[in-house]
N, C-alpha and C. Protein backbone atom coordinates (compact mmCIF):
# COMPACT_ATOMS: atom_id res chain seq x y z
N MET A 1 140.88 102.38 108.14
CA MET A 1 140.33 103.55 107.70
C MET A 1 139.76 104.43 107.62
N ARG A 2 138.34 104.85 108.55
CA ARG A 2 137.66 105.38 107.41
C ARG A 2 137.31 106.74 107.71
N LYS A 3 137.37 107.71 106.93
CA LYS A 3 136.81 109.02 106.97
C LYS A 3 135.30 109.63 106.48
N GLN A 4 134.68 110.07 107.17
CA GLN A 4 133.31 110.43 107.04
C GLN A 4 133.81 110.86 106.04
N THR A 5 132.56 111.09 104.59
CA THR A 5 132.07 112.24 103.95
C THR A 5 131.93 112.84 103.12
N ASP A 6 130.16 112.64 103.59
CA ASP A 6 128.79 113.55 103.39
C ASP A 6 128.35 112.74 104.48
N TYR A 7 126.88 113.84 104.83
CA TYR A 7 125.63 114.08 105.60
C TYR A 7 124.55 113.91 105.84
N ALA A 8 123.14 113.28 106.13
CA ALA A 8 122.09 114.06 105.46
C ALA A 8 121.67 114.31 106.77
N PHE A 9 120.36 115.01 107.18
CA PHE A 9 120.03 115.10 108.31
C PHE A 9 118.12 115.09 107.06
N ARG A 10 117.63 114.37 107.44
CA ARG A 10 116.28 113.56 107.15
C ARG A 10 115.18 113.77 108.32
N GLN A 11 113.92 114.98 107.97
CA GLN A 11 113.16 114.78 108.63
C GLN A 11 111.72 113.55 107.60
N ILE A 12 110.79 113.16 108.81
CA ILE A 12 110.29 112.48 108.12
C ILE A 12 108.81 111.66 108.79
N GLU A 13 107.82 112.38 108.56
CA GLU A 13 106.72 112.07 108.82
C GLU A 13 105.47 110.53 108.76
N TYR A 14 105.77 109.59 109.89
CA TYR A 14 104.88 108.61 109.98
C TYR A 14 102.89 108.85 110.07
N SER A 15 102.36 108.84 109.62
CA SER A 15 101.32 108.86 109.30
C SER A 15 100.20 107.07 109.72
N SER A 16 99.13 107.00 110.30
CA SER A 16 98.86 106.14 110.64
C SER A 16 97.37 105.96 109.29
N ILE A 17 96.36 107.12 108.84
CA ILE A 17 96.14 107.60 108.11
C ILE A 17 96.19 107.94 107.16
N ASN A 18 97.65 107.95 106.78
CA ASN A 18 98.08 108.53 105.18
C ASN A 18 98.90 107.51 104.92
N PRO A 19 97.89 105.68 104.06
CA PRO A 19 99.19 105.68 103.93
C PRO A 19 100.78 105.74 102.33
N GLU A 20 100.31 107.01 102.06
CA GLU A 20 101.97 107.45 101.27
C GLU A 20 102.34 107.76 102.65
N GLN A 21 102.60 107.77 103.46
CA GLN A 21 103.27 108.39 104.71
C GLN A 21 103.81 107.03 105.87
N SER A 22 103.18 105.53 105.21
CA SER A 22 103.45 104.70 106.28
C SER A 22 105.03 103.85 106.95
N SER A 23 104.72 103.17 107.32
CA SER A 23 105.82 102.92 107.11
C SER A 23 106.61 102.38 106.29
N PRO A 24 105.42 101.01 105.62
CA PRO A 24 106.83 99.98 104.83
C PRO A 24 107.19 101.08 103.51
N VAL A 25 105.89 102.17 103.35
CA VAL A 25 106.76 103.14 102.03
C VAL A 25 108.27 104.24 102.75
N TRP A 26 108.30 104.48 103.97
CA TRP A 26 109.16 104.83 104.13
C TRP A 26 110.67 104.36 104.43
N SER A 27 109.99 102.92 104.90
CA SER A 27 111.10 101.78 104.59
C SER A 27 112.07 101.81 102.85
N ALA A 28 110.69 101.75 102.36
CA ALA A 28 111.22 101.13 101.05
C ALA A 28 112.20 102.98 99.99
N TRP A 29 111.71 104.30 100.58
CA TRP A 29 112.42 105.38 100.00
C TRP A 29 113.93 105.11 101.45
N VAL A 30 113.96 104.96 102.49
CA VAL A 30 115.82 104.64 102.77
C VAL A 30 116.02 104.19 102.26
N ARG A 31 115.74 103.05 102.16
CA ARG A 31 116.40 102.18 101.14
C ARG A 31 117.00 101.99 99.66
N ASP A 32 116.26 103.00 98.90
CA ASP A 32 116.39 102.85 97.33
C ASP A 32 117.08 104.66 97.54
N ASN A 33 116.45 105.86 98.43
CA ASN A 33 117.54 106.44 98.63
C ASN A 33 118.81 107.13 99.14
N TYR A 34 119.02 106.07 100.17
CA TYR A 34 120.26 106.21 100.70
C TYR A 34 121.30 104.96 101.17
N LEU A 35 120.68 104.00 102.10
CA LEU A 35 121.16 102.90 102.20
C LEU A 35 121.39 101.62 100.91
N SER A 36 121.08 101.23 99.59
CA SER A 36 121.02 101.13 99.06
C SER A 36 122.32 101.89 97.51
N GLN A 37 123.35 103.60 98.24
CA GLN A 37 123.86 104.10 97.91
C GLN A 37 124.65 103.64 98.93
N GLY A 38 124.96 102.86 99.40
CA GLY A 38 126.04 103.64 100.45
C GLY A 38 126.11 104.19 101.89
N TRP A 39 125.45 104.45 102.58
CA TRP A 39 124.70 105.81 103.28
C TRP A 39 124.62 105.18 104.38
N GLU A 40 125.04 105.32 105.75
CA GLU A 40 124.82 105.02 107.29
C GLU A 40 124.03 105.23 107.63
N LEU A 41 123.17 104.54 108.18
CA LEU A 41 122.26 105.35 109.72
C LEU A 41 122.88 105.64 110.64
N LEU A 42 123.06 106.94 111.09
CA LEU A 42 123.64 107.20 112.37
C LEU A 42 122.68 107.35 113.59
N SER A 43 121.60 107.62 113.27
CA SER A 43 120.41 108.03 114.36
C SER A 43 119.03 108.75 113.25
N ALA A 44 118.57 107.95 114.67
CA ALA A 44 116.81 107.19 114.53
C ALA A 44 116.20 108.88 115.79
N THR A 45 115.67 109.48 116.19
CA THR A 45 114.86 109.90 116.72
C THR A 45 113.24 110.29 116.89
N VAL A 46 112.33 110.41 117.52
CA VAL A 46 111.34 111.10 117.69
C VAL A 46 111.10 111.90 118.00
N THR A 47 110.86 113.04 117.16
CA THR A 47 111.27 114.49 117.24
C THR A 47 109.65 115.93 117.31
N ARG A 48 108.34 114.42 117.35
CA ARG A 48 107.01 114.70 117.43
C ARG A 48 105.77 113.61 117.64
N ALA A 49 105.75 114.14 118.29
CA ALA A 49 104.13 113.32 118.23
C ALA A 49 102.72 113.82 118.67
N GLU A 50 102.24 113.28 116.91
CA GLU A 50 100.66 114.06 117.43
C GLU A 50 99.65 112.77 117.14
N ALA A 51 98.40 113.75 116.70
CA ALA A 51 97.31 112.53 117.05
C ALA A 51 97.62 111.32 115.40
N ASN A 52 97.88 111.50 115.48
CA ASN A 52 98.33 110.60 114.09
C ASN A 52 99.41 110.28 113.06
N SER A 53 100.81 111.25 113.82
CA SER A 53 101.52 111.39 112.69
C SER A 53 103.06 110.90 114.01
N VAL A 54 103.41 110.93 113.74
CA VAL A 54 104.85 110.76 114.66
C VAL A 54 106.31 110.61 113.10
N PHE A 55 106.73 111.99 113.96
CA PHE A 55 107.79 113.13 113.25
C PHE A 55 109.66 111.84 114.03
N VAL A 56 109.77 111.40 111.83
CA VAL A 56 111.57 111.03 113.15
C VAL A 56 112.42 112.04 111.78
N ALA A 57 113.22 111.93 112.60
CA ALA A 57 114.23 112.74 112.67
C ALA A 57 115.66 111.48 112.02
N LEU A 58 115.99 111.41 110.66
CA LEU A 58 116.80 111.26 110.53
C LEU A 58 118.64 111.62 110.32
N VAL A 59 119.46 110.55 109.97
CA VAL A 59 120.71 111.57 110.61
C VAL A 59 121.74 110.39 109.53
N PHE A 60 121.48 110.23 108.30
CA PHE A 60 122.77 109.58 107.56
C PHE A 60 123.77 110.04 107.11
N VAL A 61 125.12 109.19 107.23
CA VAL A 61 126.37 109.58 107.09
C VAL A 61 127.01 109.04 106.06
N LYS A 62 128.09 109.11 105.12
CA LYS A 62 129.21 108.52 104.76
C LYS A 62 130.50 108.62 105.13
N TYR A 63 130.89 106.95 104.08
CA TYR A 63 132.02 107.25 104.79
C TYR A 63 133.28 106.79 103.16
N GLU A 64 133.99 106.94 103.43
CA GLU A 64 134.95 105.57 103.02
C GLU A 64 136.08 105.80 103.22
N ASP A 65 137.15 104.54 102.74
CA ASP A 65 138.05 103.47 103.60
C ASP A 65 139.18 105.15 102.77
N VAL A 66 139.87 104.56 104.02
CA VAL A 66 141.49 105.79 103.79
C VAL A 66 142.50 104.40 103.54
N PRO A 67 143.36 104.08 102.38
CA PRO A 67 144.13 103.96 101.92
C PRO A 67 145.60 103.90 103.73
N ASP A 68 145.94 102.14 103.57
CA ASP A 68 147.28 102.63 104.80
C ASP A 68 148.31 103.20 104.15
N GLU A 69 148.24 103.47 102.98
CA GLU A 69 149.55 104.67 102.71
C GLU A 69 149.12 105.62 103.25
N VAL A 70 148.12 106.59 102.63
CA VAL A 70 147.87 107.80 103.42
C VAL A 70 147.84 107.67 104.76
N ARG A 71 147.15 107.11 105.27
CA ARG A 71 147.42 106.93 106.52
C ARG A 71 148.74 107.08 107.36
N ALA A 72 149.67 106.56 106.84
CA ALA A 72 151.67 106.25 106.77
C ALA A 72 151.80 107.91 106.69
N ALA A 73 151.61 107.92 105.35
CA ALA A 73 151.98 109.43 105.26
C ALA A 73 151.99 110.65 105.56
N LYS A 74 150.79 110.43 106.41
CA LYS A 74 150.42 110.93 107.75
C LYS A 74 150.91 111.68 108.83
N LYS A 75 151.42 110.78 109.24
CA LYS A 75 152.01 110.01 110.55
C LYS A 75 153.59 110.85 110.18
């Protein structure tokens, strides 16, 4: 069994004209700052779209395993 230990919400802007807000840059940022540190991506939702940009809301969660002994003691 797992329990949630942390939660993070981030909104990022993908831009078709700004190379610093490109898909490869954001993918590396997500991987380096969240996925490689044990976070899981719970959801990704487009929140707004404009002429050259798309804003995406990302929800990350972090879980930890609950040992069987702790679960049994709570019953």
